[in-house]
Amino acid sequence: MTFKEKVYQLLQEGLIEKPSIFLIDMTITESFKIIVTLDGDNGVVLQDCIDISRAIEHNLDREEQDFSLEVASAGVSSPLKHLRQYKKNIGRTLEVKTNTETIEAVLTDATDENIVLEWEAREPKKIGKGKETVQKRVEIPYSEIKEAIVIITF
């Protein structure tokens, strides 16, 4: 079993203990720095990071392989990568970049195939002068999303 496989197995065992927490990314650099990024259905607290860190670190032998370990939560400005992240952010405003456009709108649904965004736009009236407010809705397949970020408003 390679070092990376062993770390991944220990990480998965640690995550079994915390079903609301899920893995976003795990990388191991050439200098054996292990970087684990987590997210959770209800967010990630410091204790979650500590528990996952211990699950990995206490089961690896530094005599076999010296390493450093960093376990952190996905930051506020981190792009969404997994379906669970989209589902937990339903009702929030996202900035979604596709190959053809960038849309800032409210995420109203996230299925296994796509997301649904809704927003209001001002468009010219069909008859007469002036503009009217219209409700827009678009479904975007995950395959077309280049990047999606939650917009934080204060």
C-alpha atoms as a PDB file:
ATOM      1  CA  MET A   1       0.000   0.000   0.000  1.00  0.00           C
ATOM      2  CA  THR A   2       1.449   3.371  -1.009  1.00  0.00           C
ATOM      3  CA  PHE A   3       1.710   6.279   1.424  1.00  0.00           C
ATOM      4  CA  LYS A   4      -1.088   8.138  -0.386  1.00  0.00           C
ATOM      5  CA  GLU A   5      -3.377   5.094  -0.282  1.00  0.00           C
ATOM      6  CA  LYS A   6      -2.749   4.654   3.441  1.00  0.00           C
ATOM      7  CA  VAL A   7      -3.488   8.343   4.151  1.00  0.00           C
ATOM      8  CA  TYR A   8      -6.671   8.179   2.050  1.00  0.00           C
ATOM      9  CA  GLN A   9      -7.823   5.020   3.871  1.00  0.00           C
ATOM     10  CA  LEU A  10      -7.225   6.642   7.290  1.00  0.00           C
ATOM     11  CA  LEU A  11      -9.060   9.763   6.123  1.00  0.00           C
ATOM     12  CA  GLN A  12     -12.076   7.718   4.991  1.00  0.00           C
ATOM     13  CA  GLU A  13     -12.128   5.873   8.320  1.00  0.00           C
ATOM     14  CA  GLY A  14     -12.115   9.226  10.143  1.00  0.00           C
ATOM     15  CA  LEU A  15     -14.947  10.545   7.971  1.00  0.00           C
ATOM     16  CA  ILE A  16     -17.106   7.491   8.789  1.00  0.00           C
ATOM     17  CA  GLU A  17     -17.192   8.779  12.376  1.00  0.00           C
ATOM     18  CA  LYS A  18     -18.537  12.142  11.129  1.00  0.00           C
ATOM     19  CA  PRO A  19     -21.210  11.500   8.468  1.00  0.00           C
ATOM     20  CA  SER A  20     -22.074  15.204   8.036  1.00  0.00           C
ATOM     21  CA  ILE A  21     -18.471  16.008   7.038  1.00  0.00           C
ATOM     22  CA  PHE A  22     -17.168  15.231   3.554  1.00  0.00           C
ATOM     23  CA  LEU A  23     -13.913  15.446   1.638  1.00  0.00           C
ATOM     24  CA  ILE A  24     -13.412  18.248  -0.872  1.00  0.00           C
ATOM     25  CA  ASP A  25      -9.767  17.647  -1.728  1.00  0.00           C
ATOM     26  CA  MET A  26      -6.691  15.777  -0.564  1.00  0.00           C
ATOM     27  CA  THR A  27      -3.229  16.347  -1.955  1.00  0.00           C
ATOM     28  CA  ILE A  28       0.197  15.120  -0.955  1.00  0.00           C
ATOM     29  CA  THR A  29       3.135  17.189  -2.193  1.00  0.00           C
ATOM     30  CA  GLU A  30       6.527  15.806  -3.188  1.00  0.00           C
ATOM     31  CA  SER A  31       7.832  16.816   0.252  1.00  0.00           C
ATOM     32  CA  PHE A  32       5.031  14.730   1.852  1.00  0.00           C
ATOM     33  CA  LYS A  33       2.906  17.635   3.016  1.00  0.00           C
ATOM     34  CA  ILE A  34      -0.641  16.268   3.348  1.00  0.00           C
ATOM     35  CA  ILE A  35      -3.314  18.893   2.667  1.00  0.00           C
ATOM     36  CA  VAL A  36      -6.921  17.905   3.413  1.00  0.00           C
ATOM     37  CA  THR A  37      -9.862  20.210   2.676  1.00  0.00           C
ATOM     38  CA  LEU A  38     -13.233  19.383   4.233  1.00  0.00           C
ATOM     39  CA  ASP A  39     -16.783  20.708   4.099  1.00  0.00           C
ATOM     40  CA  GLY A  40     -19.913  19.734   5.936  1.00  0.00           C
ATOM     41  CA  ASP A  41     -23.658  19.712   5.508  1.00  0.00           C
ATOM     42  CA  ASN A  42     -23.840  22.040   8.530  1.00  0.00           C
ATOM     43  CA  GLY A  43     -20.400  23.583   8.144  1.00  0.00           C
ATOM     44  CA  VAL A  44     -17.105  22.470   9.659  1.00  0.00           C
ATOM     45  CA  VAL A  45     -15.997  23.394  13.176  1.00  0.00           C
ATOM     46  CA  LEU A  46     -12.472  23.340  14.540  1.00  0.00           C
ATOM     47  CA  GLN A  47     -13.107  20.095  16.447  1.00  0.00           C
ATOM     48  CA  ASP A  48     -13.982  18.356  13.148  1.00  0.00           C
ATOM     49  CA  CYS A  49     -10.593  19.333  11.709  1.00  0.00           C
ATOM     50  CA  ILE A  50      -8.822  18.215  14.900  1.00  0.00           C
ATOM     51  CA  ASP A  51     -10.589  14.823  14.890  1.00  0.00           C
ATOM     52  CA  ILE A  52      -9.774  14.128  11.236  1.00  0.00           C
ATOM     53  CA  SER A  53      -6.185  15.272  11.752  1.00  0.00           C
ATOM     54  CA  ARG A  54      -5.807  12.856  14.682  1.00  0.00           C
ATOM     55  CA  ALA A  55      -7.384  10.003  12.719  1.00  0.00           C
ATOM     56  CA  ILE A  56      -4.638  10.398  10.118  1.00  0.00           C
ATOM     57  CA  GLU A  57      -1.629  11.482  12.176  1.00  0.00           C
ATOM     58  CA  HIS A  58      -1.950   8.979  15.041  1.00  0.00           C
ATOM     59  CA  ASN A  59      -2.012   6.056  12.617  1.00  0.00           C
ATOM     60  CA  LEU A  60       1.023   6.979  10.534  1.00  0.00           C
ATOM     61  CA  ASP A  61       4.605   6.223  11.537  1.00  0.00           C
ATOM     62  CA  ARG A  62       6.978   9.173  11.121  1.00  0.00           C
ATOM     63  CA  GLU A  63       9.862   6.691  11.254  1.00  0.00           C
ATOM     64  CA  GLU A  64       8.607   5.154   7.989  1.00  0.00           C
ATOM     65  CA  GLN A  65       7.841   8.468   6.294  1.00  0.00           C
ATOM     66  CA  ASP A  66       8.253  11.988   7.658  1.00  0.00           C
ATOM     67  CA  PHE A  67       5.293  14.208   6.776  1.00  0.00           C
ATOM     68  CA  SER A  68       3.407  17.357   7.687  1.00  0.00           C
ATOM     69  CA  LEU A  69      -0.362  17.530   7.888  1.00  0.00           C
ATOM     70  CA  GLU A  70      -2.833  20.360   7.305  1.00  0.00           C
ATOM     71  CA  VAL A  71      -6.579  19.808   7.725  1.00  0.00           C
ATOM     72  CA  ALA A  72      -8.861  22.762   7.009  1.00  0.00           C
ATOM     73  CA  SER A  73     -12.404  23.625   6.011  1.00  0.00           C
ATOM     74  CA  ALA A  74     -13.227  24.925   2.553  1.00  0.00           C
ATOM     75  CA  GLY A  75     -13.035  28.704   2.701  1.00  0.00           C
ATOM     76  CA  VAL A  76     -15.932  31.043   2.068  1.00  0.00           C
ATOM     77  CA  SER A  77     -14.532  32.033  -1.314  1.00  0.00           C
ATOM     78  CA  SER A  78     -13.673  28.469  -2.362  1.00  0.00           C
ATOM     79  CA  PRO A  79     -15.453  27.261  -5.496  1.00  0.00           C
ATOM     80  CA  LEU A  80     -18.176  24.643  -5.036  1.00  0.00           C
ATOM     81  CA  LYS A  81     -17.033  21.227  -6.260  1.00  0.00           C
ATOM     82  CA  HIS A  82     -19.476  18.611  -4.968  1.00  0.00           C
ATOM     83  CA  LEU A  83     -23.230  18.035  -5.166  1.00  0.00           C
ATOM     84  CA  ARG A  84     -23.481  18.143  -1.358  1.00  0.00           C
ATOM     85  CA  GLN A  85     -22.014  21.663  -1.406  1.00  0.00           C
ATOM     86  CA  TYR A  86     -24.646  22.818  -3.897  1.00  0.00           C
ATOM     87  CA  LYS A  87     -27.446  21.235  -1.856  1.00  0.00           C
ATOM     88  CA  LYS A  88     -26.352  22.901   1.372  1.00  0.00           C
ATOM     89  CA  ASN A  89     -26.264  26.298  -0.353  1.00  0.00           C
ATOM     90  CA  ILE A  90     -29.817  26.234  -1.780  1.00  0.00           C
ATOM     91  CA  GLY A  91     -31.362  29.641  -1.128  1.00  0.00           C
ATOM     92  CA  ARG A  92     -28.027  31.489  -1.326  1.00  0.00           C
ATOM     93  CA  THR A  93     -26.740  33.685  -4.120  1.00  0.00           C
ATOM     94  CA  LEU A  94     -24.089  32.137  -6.372  1.00  0.00           C
ATOM     95  CA  GLU A  95     -21.853  33.485  -9.089  1.00  0.00           C
ATOM     96  CA  VAL A  96     -21.760  30.743 -11.708  1.00  0.00           C
ATOM     97  CA  LYS A  97     -19.339  30.861 -14.637  1.00  0.00           C
ATOM     98  CA  THR A  98     -20.039  28.714 -17.671  1.00  0.00           C
ATOM     99  CA  ASN A  99     -18.233  28.581 -21.015  1.00  0.00           C
ATOM    100  CA  THR A 100     -20.526  31.289 -22.402  1.00  0.00           C
ATOM    101  CA  GLU A 101     -21.645  33.516 -19.507  1.00  0.00           C
ATOM    102  CA  THR A 102     -21.461  34.501 -15.859  1.00  0.00           C
ATOM    103  CA  ILE A 103     -24.713  34.513 -13.871  1.00  0.00           C
ATOM    104  CA  GLU A 104     -25.260  35.875 -10.370  1.00  0.00           C
ATOM    105  CA  ALA A 105     -28.498  34.437  -9.055  1.00  0.00           C
ATOM    106  CA  VAL A 106     -30.184  32.525  -6.246  1.00  0.00           C
ATOM    107  CA  LEU A 107     -29.653  28.771  -6.221  1.00  0.00           C
ATOM    108  CA  THR A 108     -33.157  27.314  -5.915  1.00  0.00           C
ATOM    109  CA  ASP A 109     -32.476  23.618  -6.580  1.00  0.00           C
ATOM    110  CA  ALA A 110     -29.630  21.136  -7.010  1.00  0.00           C
ATOM    111  CA  THR A 111     -30.387  17.751  -8.559  1.00  0.00           C
ATOM    112  CA  ASP A 112     -27.998  14.943  -9.483  1.00  0.00           C
ATOM    113  CA  GLU A 113     -27.705  16.371 -13.029  1.00  0.00           C
ATOM    114  CA  ASN A 114     -27.970  20.167 -12.759  1.00  0.00           C
ATOM    115  CA  ILE A 115     -28.579  23.286 -10.699  1.00  0.00           C
ATOM    116  CA  VAL A 116     -31.462  25.760 -10.999  1.00  0.00           C
ATOM    117  CA  LEU A 117     -30.822  29.495 -10.712  1.00  0.00           C
ATOM    118  CA  GLU A 118     -33.485  32.196 -10.464  1.00  0.00           C
ATOM    119  CA  TRP A 119     -33.255  35.995 -10.562  1.00  0.00           C
ATOM    120  CA  GLU A 120     -35.125  39.134 -11.567  1.00  0.00           C
ATOM    121  CA  ALA A 121     -34.024  41.190 -14.569  1.00  0.00           C
ATOM    122  CA  ARG A 122     -35.074  44.487 -16.111  1.00  0.00           C
ATOM    123  CA  GLU A 123     -35.880  44.082 -19.812  1.00  0.00           C
ATOM    124  CA  PRO A 124     -37.482  46.298 -22.430  1.00  0.00           C
ATOM    125  CA  LYS A 125     -41.278  45.991 -22.569  1.00  0.00           C
ATOM    126  CA  LYS A 126     -42.650  43.891 -25.405  1.00  0.00           C
ATOM    127  CA  ILE A 127     -45.148  46.647 -26.219  1.00  0.00           C
ATOM    128  CA  GLY A 128     -44.438  50.313 -25.639  1.00  0.00           C
ATOM    129  CA  LYS A 129     -41.501  52.126 -24.131  1.00  0.00           C
ATOM    130  CA  GLY A 130     -39.695  51.492 -20.876  1.00  0.00           C
ATOM    131  CA  LYS A 131     -38.622  48.403 -19.011  1.00  0.00           C
ATOM    132  CA  GLU A 132     -40.351  45.787 -16.930  1.00  0.00           C
ATOM    133  CA  THR A 133     -39.118  43.376 -14.272  1.00  0.00           C
ATOM    134  CA  VAL A 134     -39.217  39.760 -15.384  1.00  0.00           C
ATOM    135  CA  GLN A 135     -38.471  36.559 -13.467  1.00  0.00           C
ATOM    136  CA  LYS A 136     -35.659  34.512 -15.043  1.00  0.00           C
ATOM    137  CA  ARG A 137     -34.894  30.841 -14.446  1.00  0.00           C
ATOM    138  CA  VAL A 138     -32.165  28.662 -15.893  1.00  0.00           C
ATOM    139  CA  GLU A 139     -31.054  25.068 -15.408  1.00  0.00           C
ATOM    140  CA  ILE A 140     -27.314  24.496 -15.787  1.00  0.00           C
ATOM    141  CA  PRO A 141     -25.821  20.993 -16.022  1.00  0.00           C
ATOM    142  CA  TYR A 142     -22.789  20.446 -13.781  1.00  0.00           C
ATOM    143  CA  SER A 143     -20.750  19.619 -16.887  1.00  0.00           C
ATOM    144  CA  GLU A 144     -21.157  23.218 -18.103  1.00  0.00           C
ATOM    145  CA  ILE A 145     -20.125  24.874 -14.831  1.00  0.00           C
ATOM    146  CA  LYS A 146     -16.551  26.125 -14.876  1.00  0.00           C
ATOM    147  CA  GLU A 147     -16.753  27.711 -11.416  1.00  0.00           C
ATOM    148  CA  ALA A 148     -19.443  28.432  -8.838  1.00  0.00           C
ATOM    149  CA  ILE A 149     -18.828  30.620  -5.780  1.00  0.00           C
ATOM    150  CA  VAL A 150     -21.202  31.618  -2.975  1.00  0.00           C
ATOM    151  CA  ILE A 151     -21.640  35.407  -2.842  1.00  0.00           C
ATOM    152  CA  ILE A 152     -21.521  36.702   0.711  1.00  0.00           C
ATOM    153  CA  THR A 153     -23.701  39.753   1.404  1.00  0.00           C
ATOM    154  CA  PHE A 154     -23.633  41.848   4.540  1.00  0.00           C
END
